[in-house]
Amino acid sequence: MVNVEEFAKRLKIIIDYYEISAALLAEKIEVQRSSISHILSGRNKPSLDFVLKILKVFPEVELYWLLNGVGKFPKEIENKASTPSLFPTNESGTIIKEKMIQEPNSSVEIDRIVIFFKDGTFKNYKN
């Protein structure tokens, strides 16, 4: 059986590791924000669907670590091609946390700029 308090701690570790808010986590795994809040507070137990969505979106999360604390986080990814990540990774599959800036080509016009904030909100600037 899953210890709800320990599961909530591991979910918080995932949120901190990816430097995202609970609201952004909910958006990424396509659940309601209240689902994240209720699990983090210990009010609700995570459903199988919830766990599977976490594993699908975050391939660095090990099932047994998430459920029981057995194993490690982040896990080693053997085959990057079969498990795409939403975050940029290096050759070993480790998430790159540095900001990446690329010089725009002078012949290319910028259509819009979107700034994402850690609280899950964003600001859209359109040309």
Protein backbone atom coordinates (compact mmCIF):
# COMPACT_ATOMS: atom_id res chain seq x y z
CA MET A 1 0.00 0.00 0.00
CA VAL A 2 1.21 3.51 -0.82
CA ASN A 3 2.00 5.78 2.13
CA VAL A 4 0.20 9.00 1.13
CA GLU A 5 2.48 11.29 3.16
CA GLU A 6 5.64 9.78 1.69
CA PHE A 7 4.15 9.87 -1.82
CA ALA A 8 3.40 13.58 -1.35
CA LYS A 9 7.04 14.18 -0.30
CA ARG A 10 8.29 12.43 -3.44
CA LEU A 11 5.85 14.41 -5.60
CA LYS A 12 7.24 17.60 -4.03
CA ILE A 13 10.77 16.39 -4.87
CA ILE A 14 9.70 16.04 -8.53
CA ILE A 15 8.20 19.54 -8.52
CA ASP A 16 11.38 21.00 -6.99
CA TYR A 17 13.69 19.03 -9.31
CA TYR A 18 11.98 20.31 -12.46
CA GLU A 19 11.57 23.78 -10.92
CA ILE A 20 7.87 23.91 -11.76
CA SER A 21 4.80 24.88 -9.78
CA ALA A 22 2.04 22.52 -8.75
CA ALA A 23 -0.20 24.30 -11.27
CA LEU A 24 2.27 23.68 -14.10
CA LEU A 25 2.63 20.04 -13.04
CA ALA A 26 -1.16 19.69 -13.24
CA GLU A 27 -1.12 21.22 -16.71
CA LYS A 28 1.71 18.97 -17.93
CA ILE A 29 0.10 15.74 -16.74
CA GLU A 30 -3.39 16.95 -17.69
CA VAL A 31 -5.12 16.80 -14.32
CA GLN A 32 -6.98 19.43 -12.35
CA ARG A 33 -4.93 21.67 -10.06
CA SER A 34 -7.02 20.52 -7.12
CA SER A 35 -5.84 16.93 -7.72
CA ILE A 36 -2.24 18.00 -7.09
CA SER A 37 -3.24 20.08 -4.07
CA HIS A 38 -5.24 17.23 -2.52
CA ILE A 39 -2.43 14.73 -2.99
CA LEU A 40 0.22 17.13 -1.63
CA SER A 41 -1.93 17.82 1.43
CA GLY A 42 -2.53 14.12 2.04
CA ARG A 43 -6.29 14.45 1.56
CA ASN A 44 -6.43 12.08 -1.42
CA LYS A 45 -4.46 9.05 -2.51
CA PRO A 46 -3.01 9.10 -6.03
CA SER A 47 -4.94 7.07 -8.58
CA LEU A 48 -3.28 4.64 -10.98
CA ASP A 49 -4.12 7.03 -13.80
CA PHE A 50 -2.37 9.88 -11.94
CA VAL A 51 0.78 7.78 -11.40
CA LEU A 52 0.86 6.65 -15.04
CA LYS A 53 0.56 10.26 -16.24
CA ILE A 54 3.54 11.25 -14.09
CA LEU A 55 5.60 8.39 -15.52
CA LYS A 56 4.61 9.25 -19.09
CA VAL A 57 5.47 12.95 -18.86
CA PHE A 58 8.56 12.54 -16.67
CA PRO A 59 10.53 9.50 -17.88
CA GLU A 60 13.23 10.18 -15.28
CA VAL A 61 10.79 9.10 -12.53
CA GLU A 62 11.00 5.44 -11.50
CA LEU A 63 7.71 3.73 -10.67
CA TYR A 64 8.96 1.99 -7.51
CA TRP A 65 10.66 5.15 -6.29
CA LEU A 66 7.47 7.17 -6.79
CA LEU A 67 5.24 4.61 -5.05
CA ASN A 68 7.52 3.21 -2.34
CA GLY A 69 10.72 5.24 -2.23
CA VAL A 70 12.68 2.25 -3.56
CA GLY A 71 15.24 3.06 -6.23
CA LYS A 72 16.52 6.48 -7.16
CA PHE A 73 15.42 9.69 -8.75
CA PRO A 74 16.22 10.68 -11.42
CA LYS A 75 16.71 7.29 -13.01
CA GLU A 76 19.21 6.57 -15.74
CA ILE A 77 17.62 6.50 -19.18
CA GLU A 78 19.13 3.82 -21.41
CA ASN A 79 17.47 4.70 -24.70
CA LYS A 80 16.70 8.40 -25.14
CA ALA A 81 15.00 7.84 -28.50
CA SER A 82 12.25 5.70 -26.95
CA THR A 83 11.54 8.05 -24.01
CA PRO A 84 11.34 11.66 -25.16
CA SER A 85 11.55 14.33 -22.49
CA LEU A 86 9.79 17.68 -22.35
CA PHE A 87 13.04 19.20 -21.11
CA PRO A 88 16.41 19.52 -22.92
CA THR A 89 18.86 16.78 -21.96
CA ASN A 90 22.53 16.09 -22.58
CA GLU A 91 23.98 12.90 -24.10
CA SER A 92 23.62 10.95 -20.85
CA GLY A 93 19.94 11.89 -20.47
CA THR A 94 20.50 14.39 -17.65
CA ILE A 95 18.25 17.43 -17.77
CA ILE A 96 20.02 20.64 -18.72
CA LYS A 97 18.90 23.39 -16.36
CA GLU A 98 20.88 26.24 -17.90
CA LYS A 99 19.04 28.82 -19.92
CA MET A 100 19.66 28.39 -23.64
CA ILE A 101 19.84 31.51 -25.79
CA GLN A 102 20.34 31.37 -29.53
CA GLU A 103 21.14 34.37 -31.69
CA PRO A 104 18.28 34.93 -34.12
CA ASN A 105 18.97 34.99 -37.83
CA SER A 106 18.77 38.62 -38.99
CA SER A 107 16.50 37.64 -41.91
CA VAL A 108 13.94 36.00 -39.63
CA GLU A 109 11.23 38.13 -38.02
CA ILE A 110 10.00 37.42 -34.52
CA ASP A 111 6.29 36.65 -34.47
CA ARG A 112 5.81 36.50 -30.69
CA ILE A 113 7.65 36.03 -27.41
CA VAL A 114 6.20 34.02 -24.55
CA ILE A 115 7.64 34.30 -21.03
CA PHE A 116 6.80 31.48 -18.61
CA PHE A 117 6.90 32.16 -14.87
CA LYS A 118 7.63 29.58 -12.18
CA ASP A 119 4.10 29.91 -10.78
CA GLY A 120 2.69 28.46 -14.04
CA THR A 121 1.52 31.77 -15.50
CA PHE A 122 2.85 33.29 -18.69
CA LYS A 123 2.95 36.56 -20.61
CA ASN A 124 2.49 36.58 -24.39
CA TYR A 125 3.98 39.41 -26.47
CA LYS A 126 2.81 39.45 -30.11
CA ASN A 127 4.48 41.52 -32.83
